[in-house]
């Protein structure tokens, strides 16, 4: 884990003890800080207490108190560390901390504070409404392919404080949600990437402008001379690119324009126009790090993709089978339908909307649709007339039917445009079931 002498002897409160919160408690405790930790989930509280007790065996003393910071006097605390999932605009912890003069921070801010005592390194931070997990994983993969020590962390599900520190010359690659940026004041990224901004999470912000302003802060925290890679396919992102350039940093800005034609045939895990933009951003970020083009090309070609996100899991008799189970609404399915020329589309589950209009631009690529789950009848009715469609009912039946009718060169695509909870625990379980059904084809 990452520790820092900067926290020794100071008091911190931690609210939310899931993955990042638990890693934060261990890192602070292991650094000699006094920690007040809380989660409404009793099992999470017990797990953290057990982990700290285990840590205490290795260290002289770890100071941990389990208690709700809302009922504590926070005067004199160095920070109120909040999980990104806590809505700062509605949760009482925000005014409680401010009244005590305690900064609201997250684990990314603690990482920023720890940097001065880590071996010399660089940081790449990636944000955006869509595509940031893929782009983060791709940048990390290219850096790794180039033989440079690297760590992956942040919103991608790997708490950065839980990682071992890198040796000198390493690169930390962080996926950053707007919530994490909100809780960060001093993260000076050597390379900051903004992919796009579309309306999202508006219940947490003062309108769309507030959400966009959160993204812009990633660049406001940068020093001059550090690279800013910004997609300009939407008005909000283009405005941020102009603002960064006009602040005297025009030489730092690389703009990623939409609609650039690229040969993606050698990148099996990076199909579709949206992945062309993700790849361009990753290329620009890695070039800013000084990685040569040969290593970048090798990384693009060997990138395996992320599980359940347009993941090519098999090719049988010339037919590709692609797991896009993460696509839980029509908007997230649309890029997959644009990515392949002849598709056997498996869709359905628990519908979040009674419309598939967001997917319509890709309808011309669909050879046949196979509707499953609770939304099967609804979706079959919506697609009737636009393409051949059958109600398969179950995922296994849909895979068998699609495999039987697909021709060499076709793609059998699970991109449900639905939540999974009618038939599966979550989208990961649904994707795993798709893989199992494909393997069962023999």
Protein backbone atom coordinates (compact mmCIF):
# COMPACT_ATOMS: atom_id res chain seq x y z
CA UNK A 1 0.00 0.00 0.00
CA UNK A 2 0.99 3.66 -0.37
CA UNK A 3 1.83 5.43 2.89
CA UNK A 4 3.15 8.88 3.67
CA UNK A 5 4.97 10.55 6.55
CA UNK A 6 2.82 13.62 5.77
CA UNK A 7 -0.11 11.96 7.58
CA UNK A 8 1.77 10.83 10.71
CA UNK A 9 0.24 12.12 13.92
CA UNK A 10 -2.69 13.77 12.16
CA UNK A 11 -6.36 12.92 12.59
CA UNK A 12 -8.61 11.90 9.69
CA UNK A 13 -12.21 10.76 9.47
CA UNK A 14 -13.26 8.30 6.75
CA UNK A 15 -16.88 7.91 5.65
CA UNK A 16 -17.65 4.91 3.45
CA UNK A 17 -15.68 1.69 3.86
CA UNK A 18 -16.03 -0.08 0.53
CA UNK A 19 -12.91 -0.75 -1.53
CA UNK A 20 -11.41 2.74 -1.65
CA UNK A 21 -12.48 3.60 1.91
CA UNK A 22 -11.01 0.41 3.35
CA UNK A 23 -7.73 0.99 1.49
CA UNK A 24 -7.69 4.57 2.77
CA UNK A 25 -8.08 3.45 6.42
CA UNK A 26 -5.20 0.99 6.04
CA UNK A 27 -2.94 3.55 4.32
CA UNK A 28 -3.63 6.26 6.90
CA UNK A 29 -3.30 3.86 9.82
CA UNK A 30 -0.12 2.41 8.40
CA UNK A 31 1.29 5.93 8.15
CA UNK A 32 0.75 6.66 11.83
CA UNK A 33 -2.42 8.74 11.49
CA UNK A 34 -5.35 8.59 13.90
CA UNK A 35 -8.45 7.41 12.02
CA UNK A 36 -12.15 7.69 12.82
CA UNK A 37 -13.97 5.39 10.35
CA UNK A 38 -17.62 4.72 9.61
CA UNK A 39 -19.95 2.94 7.22
CA UNK A 40 -23.68 2.35 7.64
CA UNK A 41 -23.00 -1.28 6.73
CA UNK A 42 -21.99 -3.20 9.86
CA UNK A 43 -20.17 -5.89 7.87
CA UNK A 44 -18.01 -3.22 6.20
CA UNK A 45 -17.14 -1.73 9.61
CA UNK A 46 -16.18 -5.16 10.97
CA UNK A 47 -14.08 -5.98 7.90
CA UNK A 48 -12.07 -2.78 8.25
CA UNK A 49 -11.57 -3.31 11.98
CA UNK A 50 -10.29 -6.84 11.31
CA UNK A 51 -7.94 -5.60 8.58
CA UNK A 52 -6.51 -2.89 10.82
CA UNK A 53 -6.04 -5.39 13.67
CA UNK A 54 -4.06 -7.58 11.27
CA UNK A 55 -2.03 -4.53 10.24
CA UNK A 56 -1.34 -3.74 13.90
CA UNK A 57 0.49 -7.05 14.22
CA UNK A 58 3.04 -5.81 11.67
CA UNK A 59 3.29 -2.27 13.04
CA UNK A 60 3.81 -0.93 16.55
CA UNK A 61 0.38 0.68 16.78
CA UNK A 62 -2.45 1.62 14.48
CA UNK A 63 -4.97 4.11 15.87
CA UNK A 64 -8.49 3.30 14.64
CA UNK A 65 -11.82 4.26 16.15
CA UNK A 66 -15.09 3.05 14.66
CA UNK A 67 -17.60 5.89 14.96
CA UNK A 68 -19.92 8.10 12.93
CA UNK A 69 -18.17 11.41 12.07
CA UNK A 70 -21.57 13.11 11.99
CA UNK A 71 -21.76 12.75 15.76
CA UNK A 72 -18.10 13.64 16.35
CA UNK A 73 -16.41 16.96 16.93
CA UNK A 74 -14.18 17.22 13.86
CA UNK A 75 -12.32 20.31 15.04
CA UNK A 76 -8.61 19.85 14.38
CA UNK A 77 -8.99 16.98 11.91
CA UNK A 78 -6.70 17.16 8.87
CA UNK A 79 -9.35 15.83 6.51
CA UNK A 80 -12.79 14.33 6.16
CA UNK A 81 -12.25 11.55 3.62
CA UNK A 82 -15.52 10.85 1.82
CA UNK A 83 -16.41 8.02 -0.54
CA UNK A 84 -17.14 9.32 -4.07
CA UNK A 85 -20.59 7.75 -3.72
CA UNK A 86 -21.60 10.20 -0.98
CA UNK A 87 -23.70 13.03 -2.54
CA UNK A 88 -22.00 16.15 -1.23
CA UNK A 89 -24.92 18.36 -2.29
CA UNK A 90 -27.35 16.45 -0.05
CA UNK A 91 -25.42 14.60 2.66
CA UNK A 92 -25.14 16.30 6.07
CA UNK A 93 -21.44 15.42 6.34
CA UNK A 94 -20.57 18.29 4.00
CA UNK A 95 -21.90 21.16 6.18
CA UNK A 96 -20.73 19.33 9.32
CA UNK A 97 -17.14 19.20 8.07
CA UNK A 98 -17.21 22.76 6.75
CA UNK A 99 -18.50 24.07 10.09
CA UNK A 100 -15.46 22.49 11.76
CA UNK A 101 -13.12 23.94 9.12
CA UNK A 102 -12.16 20.46 7.89
CA UNK A 103 -11.53 19.92 4.16
CA UNK A 104 -13.68 17.35 2.35
CA UNK A 105 -11.27 15.13 0.43
CA UNK A 106 -11.08 11.72 -1.23
CA UNK A 107 -8.47 9.02 -1.61
CA UNK A 108 -7.17 10.62 -4.82
CA UNK A 109 -6.33 13.80 -2.87
CA UNK A 110 -4.48 11.68 -0.30
CA UNK A 111 -2.52 10.11 -3.15
CA UNK A 112 -1.69 13.60 -4.41
CA UNK A 113 -0.43 14.50 -0.93
CA UNK A 114 1.69 11.33 -0.80
CA UNK A 115 3.42 11.97 -4.14
CA UNK A 116 6.23 14.12 -2.71
CA UNK A 117 7.55 11.15 -0.73
CA UNK A 118 7.22 8.56 -3.52
CA UNK A 119 10.01 7.69 -5.95
CA UNK A 120 10.06 10.05 -8.96
CA UNK A 121 7.12 9.21 -11.17
CA UNK A 122 4.44 10.62 -13.47
CA UNK A 123 0.64 10.54 -13.32
CA UNK A 124 -1.90 10.24 -16.12
CA UNK A 125 -5.48 11.16 -15.17
CA UNK A 126 -8.40 10.26 -17.45
CA UNK A 127 -11.94 11.58 -17.16
CA UNK A 128 -15.04 11.89 -19.36
CA UNK A 129 -18.64 10.79 -19.35
CA UNK A 130 -18.08 7.81 -21.66
CA UNK A 131 -15.11 5.66 -22.58
CA UNK A 132 -12.84 6.47 -19.64
CA UNK A 133 -12.46 2.88 -18.36
CA UNK A 134 -11.44 1.59 -21.79
CA UNK A 135 -9.06 4.50 -22.38
CA UNK A 136 -7.54 4.18 -18.91
CA UNK A 137 -6.95 0.45 -19.36
CA UNK A 138 -5.57 1.04 -22.87
CA UNK A 139 -3.07 3.69 -21.73
CA UNK A 140 -1.96 1.42 -18.89
CA UNK A 141 -1.55 -1.49 -21.32
CA UNK A 142 0.53 0.56 -23.77
CA UNK A 143 2.80 1.81 -20.97
CA UNK A 144 3.22 -1.75 -19.74
CA UNK A 145 3.94 -2.94 -23.29
CA UNK A 146 6.68 -0.30 -23.53
CA UNK A 147 8.35 -1.85 -20.47
CA UNK A 148 7.67 1.04 -18.11
CA UNK A 149 6.55 0.23 -14.52
CA UNK A 150 2.93 1.28 -14.12
CA UNK A 151 -0.06 1.06 -11.76
CA UNK A 152 -3.75 1.26 -12.58
CA UNK A 153 -6.17 2.82 -10.13
CA UNK A 154 -9.09 5.09 -9.33
CA UNK A 155 -12.62 4.77 -10.65
CA UNK A 156 -11.74 1.63 -12.59
CA UNK A 157 -12.20 -0.25 -9.31
CA UNK A 158 -8.63 -0.46 -7.98
CA UNK A 159 -8.00 1.86 -5.01
CA UNK A 160 -4.71 3.61 -5.70
CA UNK A 161 -3.73 3.73 -2.00
CA UNK A 162 -3.97 -0.05 -1.91
CA UNK A 163 -1.29 -0.39 -4.61
CA UNK A 164 2.40 -0.86 -3.93
CA UNK A 165 4.45 2.25 -4.76
CA UNK A 166 6.17 2.25 -8.13
CA UNK A 167 9.94 2.36 -8.52
CA UNK A 168 11.56 5.47 -9.93
CA UNK A 169 10.37 6.29 -13.45
CA UNK A 170 6.98 4.62 -13.07
CA UNK A 171 3.62 5.94 -14.26
CA UNK A 172 0.37 5.89 -12.27
CA UNK A 173 -2.70 5.75 -14.53
CA UNK A 174 -5.88 6.94 -12.82
CA UNK A 175 -9.47 6.81 -14.04
CA UNK A 176 -11.19 9.80 -12.44
CA UNK A 177 -14.93 10.32 -12.10
CA UNK A 178 -16.29 13.83 -11.58
CA UNK A 179 -17.03 12.83 -7.98
CA UNK A 180 -13.37 11.99 -7.39
CA UNK A 181 -12.26 15.27 -8.97
CA UNK A 182 -14.68 17.12 -6.67
CA UNK A 183 -12.82 15.66 -3.67
CA UNK A 184 -9.36 16.54 -4.99
CA UNK A 185 -7.53 19.85 -4.67
CA UNK A 186 -3.88 19.19 -5.55
CA UNK A 187 -3.60 16.40 -8.15
CA UNK A 188 -1.22 17.84 -10.74
CA UNK A 189 -1.39 15.30 -13.58
CA UNK A 190 1.60 15.14 -15.92
CA UNK A 191 -0.96 14.15 -18.56
CA UNK A 192 -4.67 14.93 -18.12
CA UNK A 193 -7.22 13.47 -20.55
CA UNK A 194 -10.84 14.54 -21.11
CA UNK A 195 -12.74 12.35 -23.57
CA UNK A 196 -16.20 13.93 -23.69
CA UNK A 197 -18.96 15.48 -21.60
CA UNK A 198 -22.62 14.58 -22.00
CA UNK A 199 -25.44 15.07 -19.47
CA UNK A 200 -24.98 12.66 -16.55
CA UNK A 201 -25.14 12.66 -12.74
CA UNK A 202 -27.10 15.92 -12.85
CA UNK A 203 -28.71 15.12 -9.49
CA UNK A 204 -25.30 15.85 -7.94
CA UNK A 205 -24.64 19.19 -9.68
CA UNK A 206 -26.09 22.63 -10.28
CA UNK A 207 -27.17 21.72 -13.81
CA UNK A 208 -25.03 20.56 -16.71
CA UNK A 209 -22.72 23.56 -16.32
CA UNK A 210 -21.81 22.42 -12.81
CA UNK A 211 -21.02 18.92 -14.06
CA UNK A 212 -18.81 20.29 -16.86
CA UNK A 213 -17.05 22.60 -14.40
CA UNK A 214 -16.14 19.55 -12.29
CA UNK A 215 -14.38 17.99 -15.28
CA UNK A 216 -12.58 21.27 -16.04
CA UNK A 217 -10.97 21.26 -12.59
CA UNK A 218 -8.69 18.41 -13.66
CA UNK A 219 -6.87 20.91 -15.91
CA UNK A 220 -7.05 23.78 -13.43
CA UNK A 221 -4.96 21.68 -11.03
CA UNK A 222 -2.21 21.15 -13.63
CA UNK A 223 1.07 23.02 -13.81
CA UNK A 224 2.02 24.75 -17.02
CA UNK A 225 3.95 22.47 -19.34
CA UNK A 226 1.93 19.40 -18.41
CA UNK A 227 -0.03 17.81 -21.26
CA UNK A 228 -3.79 18.31 -21.70
CA UNK A 229 -5.45 15.88 -24.13
CA UNK A 230 -9.03 16.96 -24.79
CA UNK A 231 -11.74 15.55 -27.06
CA UNK A 232 -13.61 18.35 -28.83
CA UNK A 233 -16.58 16.36 -30.11
CA UNK A 234 -19.01 18.16 -27.82
CA UNK A 235 -19.45 21.84 -27.03
CA UNK A 236 -18.62 21.58 -23.33
CA UNK A 237 -15.31 19.79 -23.91
CA UNK A 238 -14.38 22.12 -26.77
CA UNK A 239 -14.99 25.08 -24.44
CA UNK A 240 -12.65 23.57 -21.84
CA UNK A 241 -9.97 23.09 -24.52
CA UNK A 242 -10.26 26.77 -25.45
CA UNK A 243 -10.13 27.83 -21.80
CA UNK A 244 -6.96 25.83 -21.15
CA UNK A 245 -5.32 27.25 -24.28
CA UNK A 246 -6.33 30.83 -23.43
CA UNK A 247 -4.88 30.44 -19.92
CA UNK A 248 -1.43 30.55 -21.49
CA UNK A 249 -1.15 26.79 -22.03
CA UNK A 250 -1.91 26.51 -25.75
CA UNK A 251 1.29 24.51 -26.28
CA UNK A 252 0.09 21.96 -23.71
CA UNK A 253 -3.22 21.17 -25.45
CA UNK A 254 -3.78 18.31 -27.88
CA UNK A 255 -7.28 18.31 -29.35
CA UNK A 256 -8.93 15.03 -30.36
CA UNK A 257 -11.40 15.76 -33.14
CA UNK A 258 -14.36 13.45 -33.83
CA UNK A 259 -14.86 11.52 -37.03
CA UNK A 260 -11.19 10.84 -37.81
CA UNK A 261 -10.93 7.80 -40.09
CA UNK A 262 -8.52 5.21 -38.76
CA UNK A 263 -7.56 1.68 -39.73
CA UNK A 264 -8.80 -0.26 -36.71
CA UNK A 265 -8.57 -3.66 -38.40
CA UNK A 266 -5.41 -4.57 -36.43
CA UNK A 267 -7.04 -3.66 -33.09
CA UNK A 268 -9.59 -6.42 -32.40
CA UNK A 269 -10.62 -5.02 -29.01
CA UNK A 270 -11.01 -1.45 -30.30
CA UNK A 271 -13.78 -1.54 -32.87
CA UNK A 272 -16.28 1.22 -33.66
CA UNK A 273 -16.04 5.01 -34.03
CA UNK A 274 -16.12 5.60 -30.27
CA UNK A 275 -13.06 3.38 -29.82
CA UNK A 276 -11.27 5.27 -32.59
CA UNK A 277 -11.60 8.36 -30.39
CA UNK A 278 -10.51 6.43 -27.30
CA UNK A 279 -7.46 5.17 -29.19
CA UNK A 280 -6.54 8.64 -30.44
CA UNK A 281 -6.67 9.98 -26.88
CA UNK A 282 -4.51 7.09 -25.64
CA UNK A 283 -2.00 7.62 -28.44
CA UNK A 284 -1.71 11.33 -27.62
CA UNK A 285 -1.31 10.60 -23.89
CA UNK A 286 1.40 8.01 -24.49
CA UNK A 287 3.24 10.26 -26.94
CA UNK A 288 3.21 12.97 -24.25
CA UNK A 289 4.94 10.44 -21.98
CA UNK A 290 7.63 9.96 -24.63
CA UNK A 291 6.64 6.41 -25.62
CA UNK A 292 7.73 5.60 -29.17
CA UNK A 293 5.22 4.78 -31.87
CA UNK A 294 6.38 1.18 -32.29
CA UNK A 295 5.50 0.41 -28.66
CA UNK A 296 2.22 2.28 -28.99
CA UNK A 297 1.25 0.28 -32.09
CA UNK A 298 2.16 -2.97 -30.35
CA UNK A 299 0.02 -2.00 -27.37
CA UNK A 300 -2.99 -1.11 -29.53
CA UNK A 301 -2.76 -4.44 -31.35
CA UNK A 302 -2.41 -6.55 -28.19
CA UNK A 303 -4.94 -4.71 -25.99
CA UNK A 304 -7.39 -7.36 -24.75
CA UNK A 305 -10.20 -4.94 -23.93
CA UNK A 306 -12.18 -4.83 -20.72
CA UNK A 307 -14.40 -7.67 -19.57
CA UNK A 308 -18.03 -7.25 -20.65
CA UNK A 309 -17.29 -4.16 -22.78
CA UNK A 310 -17.30 -5.21 -26.44
CA UNK A 311 -15.14 -8.15 -25.35
CA UNK A 312 -14.40 -10.58 -28.17
CA UNK A 313 -14.56 -13.92 -26.38
CA UNK A 314 -14.37 -16.41 -29.27
CA UNK A 315 -14.35 -16.90 -33.01
CA UNK A 316 -16.06 -20.07 -34.24
CA UNK A 317 -16.35 -21.05 -37.89
CA UNK A 318 -15.54 -17.49 -38.89
CA UNK A 319 -18.20 -16.02 -36.56
CA UNK A 320 -17.09 -13.62 -33.82
CA UNK A 321 -18.83 -13.73 -30.42
CA UNK A 322 -18.73 -10.41 -28.56
CA UNK A 323 -19.72 -9.85 -24.92
CA UNK A 324 -21.03 -6.32 -24.35
CA UNK A 325 -23.05 -7.15 -21.24
CA UNK A 326 -22.01 -3.82 -19.65
CA UNK A 327 -24.36 -2.07 -22.12
CA UNK A 328 -27.32 -1.74 -19.75
CA UNK A 329 -29.20 0.97 -21.66
CA UNK A 330 -29.83 1.77 -25.33
CA UNK A 331 -27.33 4.65 -25.36
CA UNK A 332 -24.50 2.33 -24.32
CA UNK A 333 -25.57 -0.32 -26.86
CA UNK A 334 -25.52 2.11 -29.80
CA UNK A 335 -21.69 2.17 -30.23
CA UNK A 336 -21.55 -1.63 -30.41
CA UNK A 337 -24.17 -1.72 -33.17
CA UNK A 338 -22.03 0.75 -35.12
CA UNK A 339 -18.89 -1.34 -34.72
CA UNK A 340 -19.66 -4.46 -36.77
CA UNK A 341 -21.10 -4.76 -40.30
CA UNK A 342 -23.29 -7.88 -39.86
CA UNK A 343 -24.70 -8.49 -36.39
CA UNK A 344 -26.86 -11.12 -34.73
CA UNK A 345 -28.03 -8.99 -31.81
CA UNK A 346 -29.01 -10.51 -28.46
CA UNK A 347 -30.85 -7.96 -26.32
CA UNK A 348 -33.23 -7.77 -23.40
CA UNK A 349 -33.46 -8.03 -19.64
CA UNK A 350 -35.00 -5.40 -17.37
CA UNK A 351 -35.78 -2.40 -19.57
CA UNK A 352 -34.77 1.06 -18.35
CA UNK A 353 -36.83 2.67 -21.11
CA UNK A 354 -39.57 1.64 -23.52
CA UNK A 355 -37.64 3.06 -26.50
CA UNK A 356 -34.74 1.78 -28.61
CA UNK A 357 -34.40 4.98 -30.66
CA UNK A 358 -30.84 5.54 -29.46
CA UNK A 359 -29.90 2.30 -31.23
CA UNK A 360 -31.66 3.11 -34.54
CA UNK A 361 -28.53 4.38 -36.37
CA UNK A 362 -27.11 0.85 -36.08
CA UNK A 363 -30.23 -1.05 -37.15
CA UNK A 364 -28.90 -1.42 -40.70
CA UNK A 365 -26.04 -3.56 -39.37
CA UNK A 366 -28.36 -6.08 -37.69
CA UNK A 367 -29.05 -9.30 -39.62
CA UNK A 368 -31.40 -10.65 -36.95
CA UNK A 369 -32.31 -9.83 -33.33
CA UNK A 370 -32.92 -12.28 -30.50
CA UNK A 371 -34.96 -10.85 -27.61
CA UNK A 372 -34.57 -12.33 -24.14
CA UNK A 373 -35.80 -11.77 -20.60
CA UNK A 374 -38.51 -9.59 -19.18
CA UNK A 375 -38.19 -6.98 -21.94
CA UNK A 376 -38.25 -9.61 -24.70
CA UNK A 377 -41.87 -9.04 -25.84
CA UNK A 378 -41.53 -5.24 -25.63
CA UNK A 379 -38.31 -5.14 -27.63
CA UNK A 380 -39.52 -7.66 -30.19
CA UNK A 381 -42.51 -5.40 -30.81
CA UNK A 382 -40.31 -2.31 -31.14
CA UNK A 383 -38.00 -4.01 -33.64
CA UNK A 384 -40.72 -5.67 -35.73
CA UNK A 385 -40.48 -4.33 -39.26
CA UNK A 386 -37.02 -2.87 -38.79
CA UNK A 387 -35.29 -6.28 -38.83
CA UNK A 388 -36.06 -10.00 -38.44
CA UNK A 389 -36.58 -10.67 -34.72
CA UNK A 390 -37.38 -13.68 -32.60
CA UNK A 391 -38.21 -14.06 -28.93
CA UNK A 392 -35.63 -16.48 -27.59
CA UNK A 393 -36.54 -16.09 -23.92
CA UNK A 394 -33.23 -17.18 -22.40
CA UNK A 395 -29.66 -16.18 -23.14
CA UNK A 396 -28.66 -19.78 -23.81
CA UNK A 397 -31.43 -20.24 -26.38
CA UNK A 398 -30.49 -16.97 -28.07
CA UNK A 399 -26.83 -17.98 -28.36
CA UNK A 400 -27.79 -21.32 -29.91
CA UNK A 401 -30.18 -19.71 -32.39
CA UNK A 402 -27.73 -16.97 -33.36
CA UNK A 403 -24.85 -19.40 -33.80
CA UNK A 404 -27.01 -21.63 -36.02
CA UNK A 405 -27.93 -18.75 -38.35
CA UNK A 406 -24.71 -16.72 -38.42
CA UNK A 407 -22.43 -16.92 -41.45
CA UNK A 408 -18.65 -16.52 -41.60
CA UNK A 409 -17.84 -12.84 -41.14
CA UNK A 410 -20.90 -12.21 -38.95
CA UNK A 411 -20.80 -11.16 -35.29
CA UNK A 412 -22.99 -12.59 -32.53
CA UNK A 413 -23.31 -9.64 -30.17
CA UNK A 414 -24.68 -9.65 -26.64
CA UNK A 415 -25.46 -5.97 -26.06
CA UNK A 416 -28.64 -6.10 -24.00
CA UNK A 417 -29.60 -2.40 -23.67
CA UNK A 418 -31.10 -3.53 -20.35
CA UNK A 419 -30.30 -4.24 -16.74
CA UNK A 420 -29.73 -7.89 -15.89
CA UNK A 421 -31.71 -8.41 -12.71
CA UNK A 422 -34.56 -10.49 -14.14
CA UNK A 423 -32.31 -13.47 -14.88
CA UNK A 424 -28.86 -12.63 -13.48
CA UNK A 425 -27.21 -11.20 -10.36
CA UNK A 426 -25.51 -8.41 -12.34
CA UNK A 427 -24.09 -7.63 -15.76
CA UNK A 428 -20.89 -9.57 -14.97
CA UNK A 429 -22.88 -12.74 -14.27
CA UNK A 430 -24.79 -12.21 -17.52
CA UNK A 431 -21.54 -11.83 -19.45
CA UNK A 432 -20.11 -14.94 -17.81
CA UNK A 433 -23.26 -16.85 -18.78
CA UNK A 434 -22.83 -15.69 -22.38
CA UNK A 435 -19.26 -16.97 -22.40
CA UNK A 436 -20.40 -20.30 -20.96
CA UNK A 437 -23.16 -20.61 -23.58
CA UNK A 438 -20.65 -19.93 -26.38
CA UNK A 439 -18.23 -22.52 -24.97
CA UNK A 440 -21.09 -25.02 -24.76
CA UNK A 441 -21.59 -24.80 -28.51
CA UNK A 442 -18.72 -27.23 -28.87
